């Protein structure tokens, strides 16, 4: 009579995305910070999450453009003033307006990105959790239990 015993250890590594609040909102997966582009790529496997993340990315990109232009329009008159020139403060006012427009876009990005992450993570939980099954089996010379998960 031959007896055999095997011990196996398995570790389930989750691919969920974590959201942490630091100076801003940070999205991480497996300890790595994610950019909006990476979030968009990751959520492609879940159509609903991808749709929400596409909307978030549009808000992010648009806000980035407005913020960059606004900062430039504010910086140009300040640089002129520091250089001894005649600053055009109207440009600075327009720049401040552009930055003001970028703030709600940034907020919309975070709202849609959080929605996308929530949808993505809930999809992972539904697709990867299986109930363990215990089966009784027999062969020509043995009988046993099999745990499948």
N, C-alpha and C. Protein backbone atom coordinates (compact mmCIF):
# COMPACT_ATOMS: atom_id res chain seq x y z
N UNK A 1 0.85 -1.16 0.00
CA UNK A 1 0.00 0.00 0.00
C UNK A 1 0.91 1.24 0.00
N UNK A 2 0.64 2.13 -0.91
CA UNK A 2 1.42 3.35 -1.03
C UNK A 2 0.56 4.53 -0.60
N UNK A 3 1.11 5.37 0.26
CA UNK A 3 0.38 6.55 0.72
C UNK A 3 1.14 7.78 0.24
N UNK A 4 0.40 8.69 -0.26
CA UNK A 4 1.01 9.92 -0.76
C UNK A 4 0.29 11.11 -0.16
N UNK A 5 1.08 12.11 0.18
CA UNK A 5 0.47 13.32 0.73
C UNK A 5 1.20 14.53 0.16
N UNK A 6 0.44 15.51 -0.25
CA UNK A 6 1.03 16.74 -0.78
C UNK A 6 0.44 17.92 -0.04
N UNK A 7 1.28 18.86 0.25
CA UNK A 7 0.82 20.09 0.87
C UNK A 7 1.10 21.21 -0.11
N UNK A 8 0.07 21.94 -0.45
CA UNK A 8 0.21 23.05 -1.38
C UNK A 8 -0.23 24.33 -0.69
N UNK A 9 0.49 25.38 -0.95
CA UNK A 9 0.12 26.69 -0.44
C UNK A 9 -0.17 27.59 -1.63
N UNK A 10 -1.24 28.33 -1.54
CA UNK A 10 -1.59 29.24 -2.62
C UNK A 10 -1.84 30.62 -2.03
N UNK A 11 -1.46 31.59 -2.81
CA UNK A 11 -1.70 32.96 -2.38
C UNK A 11 -2.44 33.66 -3.50
N UNK A 12 -3.53 34.30 -3.13
CA UNK A 12 -4.32 35.04 -4.10
C UNK A 12 -3.89 36.50 -4.03
N UNK A 13 -3.34 36.99 -5.13
CA UNK A 13 -2.94 38.40 -5.17
C UNK A 13 -4.02 39.17 -5.88
N UNK A 14 -4.55 40.14 -5.20
CA UNK A 14 -5.64 40.91 -5.76
C UNK A 14 -5.11 41.96 -6.72
N UNK A 15 -5.86 42.22 -7.75
CA UNK A 15 -5.52 43.26 -8.70
C UNK A 15 -6.38 44.49 -8.49
N UNK A 16 -6.96 44.61 -7.30
CA UNK A 16 -7.82 45.75 -7.05
C UNK A 16 -6.99 47.03 -6.98
N UNK A 17 -7.67 48.13 -7.19
CA UNK A 17 -7.04 49.45 -7.16
C UNK A 17 -7.43 50.11 -5.85
N UNK A 18 -6.43 50.66 -5.16
CA UNK A 18 -6.68 51.33 -3.90
C UNK A 18 -6.66 52.84 -4.12
N UNK A 19 -7.50 53.53 -3.35
CA UNK A 19 -7.56 54.99 -3.40
C UNK A 19 -7.12 55.52 -2.04
N UNK A 20 -6.11 56.37 -2.05
CA UNK A 20 -5.67 56.99 -0.80
C UNK A 20 -5.66 58.50 -0.97
N UNK A 21 -5.99 59.18 0.13
CA UNK A 21 -5.99 60.63 0.15
C UNK A 21 -4.70 61.08 0.83
N UNK A 22 -3.85 61.75 0.10
CA UNK A 22 -2.64 62.36 0.67
C UNK A 22 -2.77 63.84 0.42
N UNK A 23 -1.82 64.42 -0.26
CA UNK A 23 -1.94 65.81 -0.66
C UNK A 23 -3.05 65.95 -1.69
N UNK A 24 -3.22 64.92 -2.48
CA UNK A 24 -4.31 64.80 -3.44
C UNK A 24 -4.79 63.37 -3.38
N UNK A 25 -5.57 62.96 -4.34
CA UNK A 25 -6.04 61.58 -4.40
C UNK A 25 -5.03 60.76 -5.19
N UNK A 26 -4.59 59.63 -4.61
CA UNK A 26 -3.60 58.77 -5.25
C UNK A 26 -4.24 57.41 -5.49
N UNK A 27 -4.09 56.91 -6.70
CA UNK A 27 -4.60 55.60 -7.08
C UNK A 27 -3.42 54.65 -7.20
N UNK A 28 -3.49 53.50 -6.51
CA UNK A 28 -2.39 52.55 -6.53
C UNK A 28 -2.91 51.14 -6.81
N UNK A 29 -2.03 50.34 -7.39
CA UNK A 29 -2.32 48.91 -7.61
C UNK A 29 -1.02 48.16 -7.35
N UNK A 30 -1.10 47.18 -6.46
CA UNK A 30 0.07 46.38 -6.08
C UNK A 30 1.24 47.27 -5.65
N UNK A 31 0.94 48.35 -4.92
CA UNK A 31 1.97 49.23 -4.39
C UNK A 31 2.51 50.26 -5.36
N UNK A 32 2.04 50.27 -6.59
CA UNK A 32 2.52 51.22 -7.60
C UNK A 32 1.49 52.32 -7.83
N UNK A 33 1.94 53.58 -7.82
CA UNK A 33 1.05 54.69 -8.14
C UNK A 33 0.66 54.63 -9.61
N UNK A 34 -0.58 54.95 -9.89
CA UNK A 34 -1.10 54.87 -11.25
C UNK A 34 -1.39 56.26 -11.81
N UNK A 35 -1.04 56.46 -13.07
CA UNK A 35 -1.37 57.70 -13.77
C UNK A 35 -2.78 57.53 -14.36
N UNK A 36 -3.40 58.63 -14.76
CA UNK A 36 -4.70 58.51 -15.41
C UNK A 36 -4.67 57.61 -16.65
N UNK A 37 -3.60 57.67 -17.41
CA UNK A 37 -3.48 56.81 -18.61
C UNK A 37 -3.43 55.33 -18.20
N UNK A 38 -2.68 55.02 -17.13
CA UNK A 38 -2.61 53.64 -16.66
C UNK A 38 -3.96 53.17 -16.13
N UNK A 39 -4.68 54.04 -15.44
CA UNK A 39 -6.02 53.69 -14.97
C UNK A 39 -6.92 53.36 -16.14
N UNK A 40 -6.81 54.14 -17.20
CA UNK A 40 -7.63 53.89 -18.39
C UNK A 40 -7.29 52.54 -19.00
N UNK A 41 -6.02 52.19 -19.08
CA UNK A 41 -5.60 50.90 -19.64
C UNK A 41 -6.08 49.75 -18.77
N UNK A 42 -5.96 49.90 -17.46
CA UNK A 42 -6.33 48.82 -16.54
C UNK A 42 -7.83 48.54 -16.60
N UNK A 43 -8.63 49.59 -16.70
CA UNK A 43 -10.08 49.42 -16.66
C UNK A 43 -10.67 48.95 -17.99
N UNK A 44 -9.86 48.77 -19.02
CA UNK A 44 -10.37 48.31 -20.32
C UNK A 44 -11.08 46.96 -20.23
N UNK A 45 -10.70 46.15 -19.28
CA UNK A 45 -11.30 44.82 -19.16
C UNK A 45 -12.74 44.87 -18.63
N UNK A 46 -13.17 46.00 -18.11
CA UNK A 46 -14.52 46.16 -17.59
C UNK A 46 -15.17 47.33 -18.33
N UNK A 47 -16.12 47.06 -19.24
CA UNK A 47 -16.69 48.13 -20.09
C UNK A 47 -17.30 49.29 -19.31
N UNK A 48 -17.98 49.03 -18.21
CA UNK A 48 -18.59 50.11 -17.43
C UNK A 48 -17.53 50.97 -16.75
N UNK A 49 -16.51 50.32 -16.19
CA UNK A 49 -15.42 51.05 -15.54
C UNK A 49 -14.64 51.85 -16.58
N UNK A 50 -14.45 51.27 -17.75
CA UNK A 50 -13.71 51.94 -18.82
C UNK A 50 -14.45 53.19 -19.30
N UNK A 51 -15.76 53.08 -19.40
CA UNK A 51 -16.57 54.22 -19.83
C UNK A 51 -16.44 55.37 -18.82
N UNK A 52 -16.52 55.06 -17.54
CA UNK A 52 -16.37 56.08 -16.50
C UNK A 52 -14.96 56.66 -16.50
N UNK A 53 -13.96 55.81 -16.72
CA UNK A 53 -12.58 56.28 -16.71
C UNK A 53 -12.27 57.12 -17.94
N UNK A 54 -12.89 56.82 -19.09
CA UNK A 54 -12.70 57.66 -20.27
C UNK A 54 -13.21 59.07 -20.00
N UNK A 55 -14.36 59.17 -19.36
CA UNK A 55 -14.91 60.48 -19.00
C UNK A 55 -13.98 61.19 -18.01
N UNK A 56 -13.45 60.44 -17.06
CA UNK A 56 -12.51 61.01 -16.09
C UNK A 56 -11.27 61.54 -16.80
N UNK A 57 -10.73 60.76 -17.74
CA UNK A 57 -9.52 61.15 -18.46
C UNK A 57 -9.75 62.40 -19.31
N UNK A 58 -10.92 62.53 -19.91
CA UNK A 58 -11.24 63.74 -20.67
C UNK A 58 -11.23 64.95 -19.75
N UNK A 59 -11.85 64.82 -18.58
CA UNK A 59 -11.84 65.91 -17.61
C UNK A 59 -10.42 66.24 -17.16
N UNK A 60 -9.62 65.21 -16.94
CA UNK A 60 -8.23 65.40 -16.50
C UNK A 60 -7.44 66.17 -17.56
N UNK A 61 -7.51 65.69 -18.80
CA UNK A 61 -6.74 66.32 -19.88
C UNK A 61 -7.18 67.77 -20.12
N UNK A 62 -8.48 68.00 -20.12
CA UNK A 62 -8.99 69.35 -20.33
C UNK A 62 -8.57 70.27 -19.19
N UNK A 63 -8.68 69.80 -17.96
CA UNK A 63 -8.26 70.59 -16.81
C UNK A 63 -6.78 70.89 -16.83
N UNK A 64 -5.98 69.92 -17.30
CA UNK A 64 -4.54 70.11 -17.40
C UNK A 64 -4.20 71.23 -18.39
N UNK A 65 -4.89 71.23 -19.53
CA UNK A 65 -4.66 72.27 -20.54
C UNK A 65 -5.03 73.65 -19.99
N UNK A 66 -6.22 73.76 -19.38
CA UNK A 66 -6.64 75.04 -18.81
C UNK A 66 -5.68 75.50 -17.72
N UNK A 67 -5.25 74.60 -16.86
CA UNK A 67 -4.34 74.96 -15.78
C UNK A 67 -2.98 75.39 -16.30
N UNK A 68 -2.47 74.68 -17.30
CA UNK A 68 -1.17 75.02 -17.88
C UNK A 68 -1.22 76.39 -18.55
N UNK A 69 -2.25 76.61 -19.36
CA UNK A 69 -2.38 77.91 -20.04
C UNK A 69 -2.57 79.04 -19.03
N UNK A 70 -3.40 78.79 -18.02
CA UNK A 70 -3.63 79.80 -16.99
C UNK A 70 -2.35 80.14 -16.25
N UNK A 71 -1.58 79.14 -15.91
CA UNK A 71 -0.31 79.38 -15.23
C UNK A 71 0.65 80.18 -16.09
N UNK A 72 0.68 79.89 -17.38
CA UNK A 72 1.53 80.65 -18.29
C UNK A 72 1.10 82.10 -18.41
N UNK A 73 -0.23 82.29 -18.49
CA UNK A 73 -0.74 83.66 -18.61
C UNK A 73 -0.52 84.47 -17.33
N UNK A 74 -0.47 83.81 -16.20
CA UNK A 74 -0.16 84.51 -14.95
C UNK A 74 1.35 84.74 -14.85
N UNK A 75 2.13 83.77 -15.26
CA UNK A 75 3.59 83.87 -15.15
C UNK A 75 4.21 84.90 -16.08
N UNK A 76 3.62 85.10 -17.26
CA UNK A 76 4.20 86.04 -18.21
C UNK A 76 4.23 87.47 -17.67
N UNK A 77 3.11 88.01 -17.15
CA UNK A 77 3.19 89.37 -16.59
C UNK A 77 4.07 89.47 -15.35
N UNK A 78 4.09 88.41 -14.55
CA UNK A 78 4.96 88.43 -13.36
C UNK A 78 6.43 88.48 -13.80
N UNK A 79 6.76 87.69 -14.82
CA UNK A 79 8.13 87.72 -15.35
C UNK A 79 8.46 89.08 -15.94
N UNK A 80 7.51 89.69 -16.64
CA UNK A 80 7.74 91.03 -17.19
C UNK A 80 7.97 92.04 -16.08
N UNK A 81 7.20 91.94 -15.02
CA UNK A 81 7.33 92.86 -13.89
C UNK A 81 8.68 92.69 -13.22
N UNK A 82 9.10 91.44 -13.00
CA UNK A 82 10.39 91.19 -12.37
C UNK A 82 11.55 91.63 -13.26
N UNK A 83 11.34 91.56 -14.57
CA UNK A 83 12.38 91.95 -15.51
C UNK A 83 12.43 93.45 -15.76
N UNK A 84 11.54 94.19 -15.14
CA UNK A 84 11.56 95.64 -15.29
C UNK A 84 10.68 96.14 -16.41
N UNK A 85 9.94 95.24 -17.08
CA UNK A 85 9.07 95.66 -18.18
C UNK A 85 7.73 96.13 -17.68
N UNK A 86 6.85 96.43 -18.62
CA UNK A 86 5.49 96.87 -18.30
C UNK A 86 4.57 95.65 -18.37
N UNK A 87 4.14 95.11 -17.22
CA UNK A 87 3.33 93.89 -17.22
C UNK A 87 1.89 94.15 -17.69
N UNK A 88 1.35 93.17 -18.38
CA UNK A 88 -0.05 93.23 -18.82
C UNK A 88 -0.86 92.41 -17.83
N UNK A 89 -1.47 93.06 -16.86
CA UNK A 89 -2.19 92.37 -15.80
C UNK A 89 -3.50 91.79 -16.29
N UNK A 90 -3.95 92.21 -17.46
CA UNK A 90 -5.16 91.60 -18.05
C UNK A 90 -4.88 90.13 -18.36
N UNK A 91 -3.68 89.86 -18.85
CA UNK A 91 -3.29 88.46 -19.11
C UNK A 91 -3.33 87.64 -17.82
N UNK A 92 -2.87 88.22 -16.73
CA UNK A 92 -2.87 87.52 -15.45
C UNK A 92 -4.30 87.24 -15.00
N UNK A 93 -5.21 88.19 -15.24
CA UNK A 93 -6.62 87.99 -14.87
C UNK A 93 -7.24 86.87 -15.70
N UNK A 94 -6.91 86.85 -17.01
CA UNK A 94 -7.41 85.77 -17.87
C UNK A 94 -6.83 84.44 -17.40
N UNK A 95 -5.56 84.42 -17.05
CA UNK A 95 -4.92 83.21 -16.54
C UNK A 95 -5.58 82.70 -15.27
N UNK A 96 -5.92 83.64 -14.38
CA UNK A 96 -6.60 83.24 -13.15
C UNK A 96 -7.97 82.63 -13.47
N UNK A 97 -8.64 83.19 -14.47
CA UNK A 97 -9.93 82.64 -14.90
C UNK A 97 -9.78 81.23 -15.45
N UNK A 98 -8.73 80.99 -16.23
CA UNK A 98 -8.49 79.65 -16.77
C UNK A 98 -8.18 78.65 -15.66
N UNK A 99 -7.42 79.08 -14.68
CA UNK A 99 -7.14 78.19 -13.54
C UNK A 99 -8.42 77.91 -12.77
N UNK A 100 -9.27 78.91 -12.64
CA UNK A 100 -10.55 78.70 -11.96
C UNK A 100 -11.41 77.68 -12.70
N UNK A 101 -11.33 77.66 -14.03
CA UNK A 101 -12.07 76.67 -14.82
C UNK A 101 -11.49 75.27 -14.60
N UNK A 102 -10.18 75.17 -14.41
CA UNK A 102 -9.55 73.85 -14.26
C UNK A 102 -9.90 73.17 -12.94
N UNK A 103 -10.29 73.93 -11.92
CA UNK A 103 -10.58 73.35 -10.61
C UNK A 103 -11.78 72.41 -10.65
N UNK A 104 -12.94 72.81 -11.20
CA UNK A 104 -14.05 71.85 -11.26
C UNK A 104 -13.76 70.67 -12.19
N UNK A 105 -12.92 70.87 -13.20
CA UNK A 105 -12.56 69.76 -14.07
C UNK A 105 -11.73 68.73 -13.31
N UNK A 106 -10.85 69.19 -12.45
CA UNK A 106 -10.06 68.29 -11.61
C UNK A 106 -10.96 67.53 -10.65
N UNK A 107 -11.92 68.23 -10.10
CA UNK A 107 -12.88 67.59 -9.19
C UNK A 107 -13.70 66.53 -9.93
N UNK A 108 -14.12 66.85 -11.16
CA UNK A 108 -14.89 65.89 -11.97
C UNK A 108 -14.04 64.68 -12.31
N UNK A 109 -12.74 64.90 -12.58
CA UNK A 109 -11.84 63.77 -12.84
C UNK A 109 -11.84 62.82 -11.65
N UNK A 110 -11.64 63.35 -10.46
CA UNK A 110 -11.58 62.50 -9.27
C UNK A 110 -12.90 61.78 -9.03
N UNK A 111 -14.01 62.44 -9.26
CA UNK A 111 -15.31 61.81 -9.05
C UNK A 111 -15.50 60.64 -10.02
N UNK A 112 -15.22 60.86 -11.30
CA UNK A 112 -15.39 59.80 -12.30
C UNK A 112 -14.35 58.69 -12.14
N UNK A 113 -13.12 59.05 -11.76
CA UNK A 113 -12.09 58.04 -11.55
C UNK A 113 -12.45 57.14 -10.36
N UNK A 114 -12.97 57.74 -9.29
CA UNK A 114 -13.39 56.93 -8.14
C UNK A 114 -14.53 56.00 -8.52
N UNK A 115 -15.45 56.49 -9.35
CA UNK A 115 -16.54 55.64 -9.82
C UNK A 115 -15.99 54.49 -10.65
N UNK A 116 -15.05 54.79 -11.55
CA UNK A 116 -14.46 53.75 -12.39
C UNK A 116 -13.73 52.71 -11.55
N UNK A 117 -12.99 53.15 -10.56
CA UNK A 117 -12.25 52.23 -9.68
C UNK A 117 -13.23 51.36 -8.90
N UNK A 118 -14.29 51.96 -8.41
CA UNK A 118 -15.29 51.19 -7.66
C UNK A 118 -15.93 50.12 -8.54
N UNK A 119 -16.29 50.48 -9.76
CA UNK A 119 -16.89 49.52 -10.70
C UNK A 119 -15.88 48.42 -11.02
N UNK A 120 -14.64 48.82 -11.29
CA UNK A 120 -13.60 47.85 -11.63
C UNK A 120 -13.37 46.86 -10.48
N UNK A 121 -13.22 47.40 -9.26
CA UNK A 121 -12.97 46.54 -8.09
C UNK A 121 -14.14 45.61 -7.81
N UNK A 122 -15.37 46.10 -7.96
CA UNK A 122 -16.52 45.22 -7.71
C UNK A 122 -16.61 44.13 -8.77
N UNK A 123 -16.18 44.44 -9.98
CA UNK A 123 -16.14 43.41 -11.03
C UNK A 123 -15.11 42.34 -10.74
N UNK A 124 -13.99 42.74 -10.14
CA UNK A 124 -12.98 41.76 -9.74
C UNK A 124 -13.52 40.83 -8.67
N UNK A 125 -14.20 41.40 -7.69
CA UNK A 125 -14.73 40.59 -6.60
C UNK A 125 -15.75 39.58 -7.10
N UNK A 126 -16.57 39.97 -8.06
CA UNK A 126 -17.59 39.06 -8.58
C UNK A 126 -17.01 37.98 -9.45
N UNK A 127 -15.95 38.30 -10.20
CA UNK A 127 -15.45 37.33 -11.16
C UNK A 127 -14.42 36.38 -10.57
N UNK A 128 -13.76 36.75 -9.49
CA UNK A 128 -12.69 35.91 -8.99
C UNK A 128 -13.06 35.07 -7.78
N UNK A 129 -14.15 35.36 -7.15
CA UNK A 129 -14.50 34.57 -5.97
C UNK A 129 -15.38 33.40 -6.38
N UNK A 130 -14.89 32.24 -6.10
CA UNK A 130 -15.67 31.03 -6.32
C UNK A 130 -15.85 30.35 -4.98
N UNK A 131 -16.98 29.68 -4.84
CA UNK A 131 -17.22 28.95 -3.60
C UNK A 131 -16.40 27.66 -3.63
N UNK A 132 -15.77 27.33 -2.53
CA UNK A 132 -15.05 26.06 -2.47
C UNK A 132 -16.03 24.89 -2.57
N UNK A 133 -15.60 23.84 -3.25
CA UNK A 133 -16.45 22.66 -3.39
C UNK A 133 -15.72 21.45 -2.81
N UNK A 134 -16.44 20.65 -2.07
CA UNK A 134 -15.89 19.44 -1.48
C UNK A 134 -16.54 18.26 -2.18
N UNK A 135 -15.73 17.41 -2.83
CA UNK A 135 -16.25 16.27 -3.57
C UNK A 135 -15.70 14.97 -3.00
N UNK A 136 -16.52 13.98 -2.98
CA UNK A 136 -16.11 12.64 -2.60
C UNK A 136 -15.79 11.91 -3.90
N UNK A 137 -14.61 11.29 -3.99
CA UNK A 137 -14.27 10.57 -5.20
C UNK A 137 -13.71 9.20 -4.84
N UNK A 138 -13.74 8.34 -5.82
CA UNK A 138 -13.18 6.99 -5.61
C UNK A 138 -12.51 6.54 -6.89
N UNK A 139 -11.54 5.67 -6.72
CA UNK A 139 -10.88 5.03 -7.86
C UNK A 139 -10.88 3.54 -7.59
N UNK A 140 -10.21 2.78 -8.40
CA UNK A 140 -10.24 1.32 -8.24
C UNK A 140 -9.64 0.86 -6.93
N UNK A 141 -8.73 1.63 -6.33
CA UNK A 141 -8.12 1.18 -5.09
C UNK A 141 -8.11 2.23 -3.98
N UNK A 142 -8.87 3.30 -4.12
CA UNK A 142 -8.87 4.31 -3.05
C UNK A 142 -10.19 5.09 -3.04
N UNK A 143 -10.35 5.79 -1.96
CA UNK A 143 -11.50 6.67 -1.77
C UNK A 143 -10.96 7.94 -1.11
N UNK A 144 -11.51 9.09 -1.46
CA UNK A 144 -10.97 10.31 -0.86
C UNK A 144 -11.90 11.51 -1.01
N UNK A 145 -11.43 12.59 -0.46
CA UNK A 145 -12.15 13.85 -0.56
C UNK A 145 -11.29 14.83 -1.38
N UNK A 146 -11.96 15.62 -2.21
CA UNK A 146 -11.26 16.61 -3.02
C UNK A 146 -11.87 17.98 -2.75
N UNK A 147 -11.02 18.91 -2.36
CA UNK A 147 -11.46 20.27 -2.12
C UNK A 147 -11.02 21.12 -3.31
N UNK A 148 -11.98 21.68 -4.00
CA UNK A 148 -11.70 22.51 -5.17
C UNK A 148 -12.11 23.93 -4.89
N UNK A 149 -11.20 24.87 -5.13
CA UNK A 149 -11.52 26.28 -4.94
C UNK A 149 -10.87 27.12 -6.00
